[in-house]
Each structure stands twice: as structure tokens, then as C-alpha cells.
Amino acid sequence: MKTCELSAAAQSLALRLEAVDYDSLPISAYNKRYIRSMRPAFAYYLEIYAACLRRGLSATGQPPASLVMVDYGGGSGFLSMLAKEVGIGRVIYVDLNPLSVEAVTVLKQHTGCGPDDILSGDTAVLAAWCAARQVKPQLLVATDLIEHVYDLKPFFAALAGINERLSMIFTTASTPYNPWVKRRLRRFMKECESGGQASPGYYAKREQFIRTCRPSFSDEMVERWSRNTRGLTYPDIEEAIGENRLPVPGDAFNTCDPATGNWAERILPIDAYRTLLAASRFSLAVGKGHYNTHRRNRFAAFLCRCANVVIRRSGKAGFLLSPYILLYCSRKDAGAV
């Protein structure tokens, strides 16, 4: 599929999505807020989705009509909509949040466009669904998801089992390259720990849990274990304490909600992704993202266009300016992406 065709489809869908009265739809307040935050940048997000589809079509080497694609962690389903607009044969939407599943179902009914199959669950649900129906997706796309997955090793292993020739594309704003992005995200992580972004803060949650499960601990021990178990869920904290194995956090900032395991925009080095993917026989290539040029402020739009030119033309140095990155993953035994 030509780039111009994908771009035209993305622009057309963005206009249609902007015209929808989401407040009148029977969807949750959570999803209304989420879509409201996206609405000023619909064209930008659709551009990102189009770039993912363009790379995915190239990676699989198949015509759109014969492709089975998974929109993993699909949120309100806008990527699924674009995939169907450009002729992807079968689109499987899956999300762990039941409110998002409800929203994408309503949006499909309202707009007449959306995924062919809608699943509520995680990788295990997706794998079981595919196995039961003997469906083998060739492409999986997930945007703004990978930085939140608690344990990536079983995550990649589960996806690897779906199809021996699966290609995967992830986008993440948790780039390890851009120093300005890293500074902002690390400030956010510190506030999640302290309670500035989450109430109670993640440290307070771990402290309360440790005091409850180990009332014999002194204040000093509680403080030490609360500090060192940053990035662990309650079951893993309890296991570490039971084995008297004081963890050492691998990063000075990364932290997750101990109740859910949801990471606060975790930043991982590319080599860490490469190692985790290699365990499931995936190879990795990394791409540069771009800035939103669809801004009402003309000067801001001009600066973004200039930044995008620099990113495109400056080779590896462009990663330092890129606002997000794309992770292109393919099975090693199926050829590199």
C-alpha cells in the first residue's frame, strides 16, 4: 500500500472522529476523558497509527486483505478503525480494561467501523482465543503499552506462541534517548512514589503492606524493605521477604503500582528490550518518532516541522530529539524486520 493512500485514509478518519459527539455516547466517564484528551491531536495519533501499519505491511509482505492483525491494548479502538479503513482483512482488538472494551463496542456500532473481533483480557486470553479458532495473526501493534507491562519476559513468550512468524510493532514515549523526555518522566515517577501523582503514593502502599504482613519488623527494616522493593507487586514483595532476599532495584527511578504491577512510564535501555526479545527468538529494530505538526499555534507547528526534518536527516543523533520511539520486532527464524 502506498504511503499517500495510508495518509489519506488517516486524514479522512481523523475528520470523521472529530465530528463524533462522544459525550452523548453510552460510554464510561473514564473513556470520555481519555478521548477528550486525544481529540485535539486526532490527526497526529492517526499519523502514528498509519506509520505502524505501513511498517507492518512491509514487514509481513502480505496484501492488506489477507492480513490478520492484533490491536493489543487498543484503548478506544482508533487504530483498529484505521486498519479496517485501509483494508486489513481481519482485525482483533484486545484490551484488559473492560471500560475500553465497552467503549470500542459502542464506537463500532455508532461509526460503522471497527475491529472484527473484540476481546477482553491479556495475552493468555488472546492466545487461547487464537488457538481455539486456529487463527494465526501475522501482525501485532501496540501503542503506549509496553512501558506499562509488569513482566515483559512472559509477555513476549506468550505472544511468540501465537504465531511462529509474528511481527510486532510497539510505540513508546518512554524513550531512553531523549534527555528532556527522560527528565520529565523521571519527575513523574518520583511523584508516583511520593504521592504527588497517585494517592496514596507507591512507597506508602509498599510500606503499609510490609507493616501489615510483617508486624515484627522494626521501623528501620520496614523503611529498608519499602525502599528496596520499588518496582515489585505485593506477591513478589511477600515472596522476597519470605526468602529474606532484599531486592536491589535495577533503576534509580522506575516504579510500579504494587497493587497492579502497572509501571509508571518505565524507561528501559534498548539492550534490555533486545535481551528480553531474544529469549523468545525475536530480533529488534528501533525507529524514530515525530512531533505533532497539526497545531493551532502556527509558530509551534513550524517548530515541530523543523524538528521532524532534523530527526529524519540526522541519523542516530535524531533519537536524542525524537519524542517517542518505535520497536519493530520479528521472529529471528522468519527474517529480520
Protein backbone atom coordinates (compact mmCIF):
# COMPACT_ATOMS: atom_id res chain seq x y z
CA MET A 1 0.00 0.00 0.00
CA LYS A 2 1.31 3.41 -0.93
CA THR A 3 2.21 5.94 1.76
CA CYS A 4 -0.11 8.52 0.25
CA GLU A 5 -3.06 6.10 0.47
CA LEU A 6 -2.39 5.41 4.14
CA SER A 7 -2.00 9.11 4.86
CA ALA A 8 -5.24 9.95 3.05
CA ALA A 9 -7.11 7.26 4.99
CA ALA A 10 -5.69 8.57 8.29
CA GLN A 11 -6.68 12.16 7.50
CA SER A 12 -10.19 11.12 6.45
CA LEU A 13 -10.73 9.05 9.60
CA ALA A 14 -9.40 11.85 11.82
CA LEU A 15 -12.04 14.23 10.43
CA ARG A 16 -14.80 11.68 11.00
CA LEU A 17 -13.66 11.03 14.57
CA GLU A 18 -13.54 14.75 15.31
CA ALA A 19 -17.19 15.05 14.27
CA VAL A 20 -18.44 12.44 16.77
CA ASP A 21 -20.29 13.71 19.86
CA TYR A 22 -18.61 11.41 22.38
CA ASP A 23 -20.34 12.98 25.38
CA SER A 24 -23.68 11.72 24.08
CA LEU A 25 -22.48 8.12 23.71
CA PRO A 26 -23.21 5.48 26.39
CA ILE A 27 -19.56 5.04 27.35
CA SER A 28 -17.83 5.49 30.70
CA ALA A 29 -16.66 8.84 32.07
CA TYR A 30 -13.15 7.37 32.01
CA ASN A 31 -13.28 6.82 28.26
CA LYS A 32 -14.89 10.18 27.64
CA ARG A 33 -11.99 11.86 29.46
CA TYR A 34 -9.48 9.73 27.57
CA ILE A 35 -10.96 10.56 24.18
CA ARG A 36 -11.30 14.23 25.16
CA SER A 37 -7.54 14.32 25.85
CA MET A 38 -6.84 12.78 22.44
CA ARG A 39 -9.28 14.88 20.44
CA PRO A 40 -7.06 17.93 19.78
CA ALA A 41 -4.46 15.60 18.28
CA PHE A 42 -6.57 13.03 16.41
CA ALA A 43 -4.69 13.73 13.17
CA TYR A 44 -1.36 13.24 14.93
CA TYR A 45 -2.34 9.93 16.53
CA LEU A 46 -3.74 8.65 13.24
CA GLU A 47 -0.44 9.54 11.59
CA ILE A 48 1.37 7.41 14.15
CA TYR A 49 -1.03 4.53 13.57
CA ALA A 50 -0.57 4.87 9.81
CA ALA A 51 3.21 4.68 10.24
CA CYS A 52 2.81 1.47 12.26
CA LEU A 53 0.54 -0.07 9.63
CA ARG A 54 2.89 0.94 6.82
CA ARG A 55 5.82 -0.74 8.56
CA GLY A 56 3.70 -3.74 9.48
CA LEU A 57 2.53 -4.30 5.91
CA SER A 58 6.12 -4.06 4.74
CA ALA A 59 7.32 -6.49 7.43
CA THR A 60 4.73 -9.17 6.68
CA GLY A 61 4.99 -8.76 2.92
CA GLN A 62 1.30 -9.54 2.55
CA PRO A 63 -1.52 -7.59 0.92
CA PRO A 64 -3.84 -5.92 3.47
CA ALA A 65 -6.83 -8.11 2.65
CA SER A 66 -5.00 -11.32 3.62
CA LEU A 67 -3.56 -9.93 6.86
CA VAL A 68 -4.74 -10.80 10.37
CA MET A 69 -3.73 -8.07 12.81
CA VAL A 70 -3.98 -7.70 16.58
CA ASP A 71 -4.60 -4.26 18.07
CA TYR A 72 -3.21 -5.06 21.53
CA GLY A 73 -4.18 -2.78 24.41
CA GLY A 74 -6.27 -0.97 21.84
CA GLY A 75 -7.98 1.59 24.11
CA SER A 76 -10.87 3.21 22.26
CA GLY A 77 -10.09 1.30 19.07
CA PHE A 78 -8.96 4.09 16.74
CA LEU A 79 -6.03 2.01 15.45
CA SER A 80 -8.46 -0.84 14.70
CA MET A 81 -10.69 1.59 12.81
CA LEU A 82 -7.81 2.78 10.65
CA ALA A 83 -6.71 -0.80 10.00
CA LYS A 84 -10.16 -1.64 8.67
CA GLU A 85 -10.29 1.61 6.67
CA VAL A 86 -7.11 0.61 4.78
CA GLY A 87 -8.42 -2.88 4.09
CA ILE A 88 -6.81 -5.13 6.70
CA GLY A 89 -8.63 -8.43 6.33
CA ARG A 90 -9.21 -9.27 9.99
CA VAL A 91 -8.55 -7.06 12.99
CA ILE A 92 -8.59 -8.49 16.51
CA TYR A 93 -8.91 -5.92 19.29
CA VAL A 94 -7.89 -6.85 22.83
CA ASP A 95 -7.72 -4.77 26.00
CA LEU A 96 -7.53 -5.62 29.68
CA ASN A 97 -9.77 -2.69 30.68
CA PRO A 98 -13.47 -3.66 30.45
CA LEU A 99 -14.41 0.02 30.14
CA SER A 100 -12.31 0.30 26.98
CA VAL A 101 -13.83 -2.90 25.58
CA GLU A 102 -17.27 -1.43 26.22
CA ALA A 103 -16.28 1.84 24.55
CA VAL A 104 -14.89 0.27 21.39
CA THR A 105 -18.05 -1.83 21.05
CA VAL A 106 -20.22 1.29 21.27
CA LEU A 107 -17.98 3.25 18.87
CA LYS A 108 -18.11 0.44 16.32
CA GLN A 109 -21.91 0.46 16.45
CA HIS A 110 -22.03 4.26 16.21
CA THR A 111 -19.49 4.75 13.40
CA GLY A 112 -19.98 1.51 11.49
CA CYS A 113 -16.24 0.94 11.61
CA GLY A 114 -14.14 -1.08 14.00
CA PRO A 115 -12.42 -4.38 14.72
CA ASP A 116 -13.83 -7.69 13.56
CA ASP A 117 -13.27 -9.34 16.93
CA ILE A 118 -13.30 -7.68 20.37
CA LEU A 119 -11.61 -9.45 23.30
CA SER A 120 -11.40 -8.51 26.95
CA GLY A 121 -8.24 -9.79 28.61
CA ASP A 122 -4.49 -10.25 28.38
CA THR A 123 -2.01 -12.34 26.38
CA ALA A 124 -3.40 -15.58 27.82
CA VAL A 125 -6.91 -14.69 26.64
CA LEU A 126 -5.61 -13.74 23.20
CA ALA A 127 -3.52 -16.92 22.87
CA ALA A 128 -6.39 -19.17 23.97
CA TRP A 129 -8.83 -17.41 21.62
CA CYS A 130 -6.47 -17.78 18.65
CA ALA A 131 -5.69 -21.43 19.43
CA ALA A 132 -9.37 -22.35 19.78
CA ARG A 133 -10.16 -20.85 16.37
CA GLN A 134 -6.86 -21.77 14.68
CA VAL A 135 -6.24 -18.11 13.91
CA LYS A 136 -2.62 -17.05 13.42
CA PRO A 137 -2.18 -13.27 13.33
CA GLN A 138 0.80 -12.12 11.30
CA LEU A 139 0.99 -8.65 12.85
CA LEU A 140 0.54 -7.19 16.33
CA VAL A 141 0.58 -3.46 17.02
CA ALA A 142 0.51 -1.90 20.49
CA THR A 143 0.81 1.83 21.14
CA ASP A 144 1.80 3.30 24.52
CA LEU A 145 1.56 -0.08 26.21
CA ILE A 146 4.93 -1.78 26.51
CA GLU A 147 6.23 0.69 29.11
CA HIS A 148 3.44 -0.42 31.50
CA VAL A 149 3.75 -4.24 31.24
CA TYR A 150 4.92 -5.59 34.60
CA ASP A 151 6.94 -8.61 33.40
CA LEU A 152 7.99 -8.49 29.76
CA LYS A 153 9.61 -11.93 29.61
CA PRO A 154 6.37 -13.98 29.88
CA PHE A 155 4.59 -11.27 27.86
CA PHE A 156 6.88 -11.78 24.87
CA ALA A 157 6.87 -15.57 25.36
CA ALA A 158 3.06 -15.67 25.22
CA LEU A 159 2.98 -13.57 22.05
CA ALA A 160 5.69 -15.71 20.47
CA GLY A 161 3.47 -18.76 20.90
CA ILE A 162 0.63 -17.28 18.86
CA ASN A 163 2.42 -17.48 15.52
CA GLU A 164 5.96 -18.56 14.65
CA ARG A 165 6.11 -15.76 12.07
CA LEU A 166 4.55 -12.95 14.09
CA SER A 167 5.76 -9.39 13.54
CA MET A 168 5.21 -6.90 16.37
CA ILE A 169 5.34 -3.12 16.50
CA PHE A 170 5.31 -1.14 19.74
CA THR A 171 5.38 2.61 20.20
CA THR A 172 6.51 4.12 23.47
CA ALA A 173 7.14 7.64 24.69
CA SER A 174 9.43 6.18 27.38
CA THR A 175 12.45 6.67 25.19
CA PRO A 176 15.89 6.07 26.73
CA TYR A 177 17.46 8.53 24.27
CA ASN A 178 15.77 11.91 24.65
CA PRO A 179 17.15 13.64 27.78
CA TRP A 180 14.21 16.06 28.08
CA VAL A 181 11.67 13.25 27.94
CA LYS A 182 13.64 11.21 30.47
CA ARG A 183 13.79 14.16 32.88
CA ARG A 184 10.04 14.70 32.64
CA LEU A 185 9.16 11.03 33.06
CA ARG A 186 11.51 10.57 35.98
CA ARG A 187 9.92 13.54 37.71
CA PHE A 188 6.57 11.83 37.18
CA MET A 189 7.92 8.57 38.62
CA LYS A 190 9.21 10.36 41.73
CA GLU A 191 5.78 11.89 42.22
CA CYS A 192 4.13 8.46 41.89
CA GLU A 193 6.43 7.25 44.65
CA SER A 194 5.83 10.25 46.91
CA GLY A 195 2.09 10.59 46.31
CA GLY A 196 2.13 13.65 44.07
CA GLN A 197 0.68 11.68 41.13
CA ALA A 198 -1.01 8.82 42.97
CA SER A 199 -2.75 8.79 46.34
CA PRO A 200 -1.51 7.01 48.28
CA GLY A 201 1.96 7.01 46.72
CA TYR A 202 3.56 3.74 45.72
CA TYR A 203 6.10 3.93 48.55
CA ALA A 204 3.29 4.39 51.09
CA LYS A 205 1.46 1.39 49.61
CA ARG A 206 4.51 -0.84 49.96
CA GLU A 207 5.21 0.44 53.46
CA GLN A 208 1.66 -0.28 54.63
CA PHE A 209 1.75 -3.76 53.07
CA ILE A 210 5.07 -4.63 54.71
CA ARG A 211 3.94 -3.36 58.11
CA THR A 212 0.80 -5.47 57.81
CA CYS A 213 2.44 -8.72 56.69
CA ARG A 214 5.50 -8.33 58.94
CA PRO A 215 4.38 -6.57 62.16
CA SER A 216 7.58 -7.73 63.86
CA PHE A 217 9.76 -5.58 61.57
CA SER A 218 11.38 -2.54 63.14
CA ASP A 219 10.82 0.89 61.58
CA GLU A 220 14.30 0.68 60.07
CA MET A 221 13.59 -2.70 58.46
CA VAL A 222 10.24 -1.50 57.17
CA GLU A 223 11.92 1.53 55.62
CA ARG A 224 14.67 -0.58 54.03
CA TRP A 225 12.28 -3.13 52.55
CA SER A 226 9.86 -0.45 51.40
CA ARG A 227 12.65 1.36 49.58
CA ASN A 228 14.25 -1.71 48.00
CA THR A 229 11.04 -3.36 46.80
CA ARG A 230 10.25 -0.46 44.48
CA GLY A 231 9.06 -1.96 41.21
CA LEU A 232 7.55 -5.12 42.75
CA THR A 233 3.95 -6.22 43.25
CA TYR A 234 2.59 -7.35 46.60
CA PRO A 235 3.03 -11.09 45.86
CA ASP A 236 6.63 -10.56 44.77
CA ILE A 237 7.32 -8.39 47.82
CA GLU A 238 5.94 -11.10 50.10
CA GLU A 239 8.00 -13.77 48.34
CA ALA A 240 11.19 -11.70 48.67
CA ILE A 241 10.57 -11.14 52.37
CA GLY A 242 9.78 -14.83 52.91
CA GLU A 243 13.10 -15.78 51.31
CA ASN A 244 14.93 -12.97 53.15
CA ARG A 245 16.11 -11.77 49.74
CA LEU A 246 16.39 -7.98 49.82
CA PRO A 247 15.92 -6.80 46.20
CA VAL A 248 18.15 -4.24 44.54
CA PRO A 249 16.15 -2.04 42.11
CA GLY A 250 17.68 -2.09 38.67
CA ASP A 251 16.99 1.57 38.04
CA ALA A 252 17.03 4.67 40.24
CA PHE A 253 13.59 5.89 39.09
CA ASN A 254 11.41 3.16 37.54
CA THR A 255 8.49 2.27 39.79
CA CYS A 256 5.16 0.47 39.55
CA ASP A 257 1.89 0.33 41.43
CA PRO A 258 2.42 -2.63 43.80
CA ALA A 259 -1.27 -3.45 43.69
CA THR A 260 -1.49 -3.84 39.89
CA GLY A 261 2.09 -4.07 38.58
CA ASN A 262 1.40 -1.20 36.19
CA TRP A 263 4.70 0.60 35.62
CA ALA A 264 4.77 4.41 35.74
CA GLU A 265 6.10 5.02 32.19
CA ARG A 266 9.07 2.68 32.72
CA ILE A 267 12.20 3.60 30.78
CA LEU A 268 14.26 0.59 29.67
CA PRO A 269 17.58 0.60 27.78
CA ILE A 270 17.28 -0.75 24.25
CA ASP A 271 19.71 -3.55 25.13
CA ALA A 272 17.27 -4.67 27.84
CA TYR A 273 14.48 -4.90 25.27
CA ARG A 274 16.81 -6.74 22.90
CA THR A 275 17.75 -9.31 25.54
CA LEU A 276 14.15 -9.90 26.60
CA LEU A 277 13.02 -10.29 22.99
CA ALA A 278 15.92 -12.59 22.12
CA ALA A 279 14.72 -15.07 24.78
CA SER A 280 11.62 -15.59 22.59
CA ARG A 281 13.64 -15.52 19.35
CA PHE A 282 12.63 -12.01 18.31
CA SER A 283 15.02 -9.57 16.67
CA LEU A 284 14.66 -5.85 17.23
CA ALA A 285 15.00 -2.70 15.16
CA VAL A 286 14.28 0.77 16.56
CA GLY A 287 12.65 3.67 14.74
CA LYS A 288 12.34 7.39 15.46
CA GLY A 289 9.06 9.13 16.20
CA HIS A 290 7.96 12.60 15.13
CA TYR A 291 6.27 15.68 16.59
CA ASN A 292 2.71 16.84 16.08
CA THR A 293 2.56 19.43 13.31
CA HIS A 294 -1.25 19.73 13.45
CA ARG A 295 -1.22 22.57 15.97
CA ARG A 296 -3.37 25.67 16.04
CA ASN A 297 -0.39 27.80 17.00
CA ARG A 298 1.41 28.32 13.71
CA PHE A 299 4.76 29.02 15.32
CA ALA A 300 4.56 25.81 17.37
CA ALA A 301 3.60 23.88 14.24
CA PHE A 302 6.57 25.40 12.37
CA LEU A 303 8.98 24.40 15.15
CA CYS A 304 7.60 20.86 15.09
CA ARG A 305 8.07 20.64 11.32
CA CYS A 306 11.66 21.82 11.71
CA ALA A 307 12.30 19.31 14.48
CA ASN A 308 10.89 16.50 12.34
CA VAL A 309 13.23 17.39 9.49
CA VAL A 310 16.20 17.29 11.86
CA ILE A 311 15.06 13.93 13.27
CA ARG A 312 14.70 12.41 9.81
CA ARG A 313 18.01 13.68 8.44
CA SER A 314 20.36 13.36 11.40
CA GLY A 315 20.77 9.59 11.56
CA LYS A 316 21.23 8.08 15.00
CA ALA A 317 21.60 11.54 16.55
CA GLY A 318 17.93 12.13 15.72
CA PHE A 319 16.96 9.78 18.55
CA LEU A 320 18.09 12.45 21.02
CA LEU A 321 15.32 14.72 19.75
CA SER A 322 12.65 12.15 18.95
CA PRO A 323 9.61 12.39 21.29
CA TYR A 324 8.97 8.65 21.15
CA ILE A 325 10.41 5.51 19.62
CA LEU A 326 9.05 2.56 17.68
CA LEU A 327 10.17 -1.00 18.40
CA TYR A 328 9.99 -3.30 15.36
CA CYS A 329 10.13 -6.95 16.40
CA SER A 330 10.24 -10.03 14.17
CA ARG A 331 10.98 -13.69 14.78
CA LYS A 332 14.64 -14.43 14.10
CA ASP A 333 13.78 -17.59 12.20
CA ALA A 334 11.48 -15.60 9.94
CA GLY A 335 13.98 -12.96 8.82
CA ALA A 336 14.67 -9.50 10.26
CA VAL A 337 12.12 -6.73 10.08
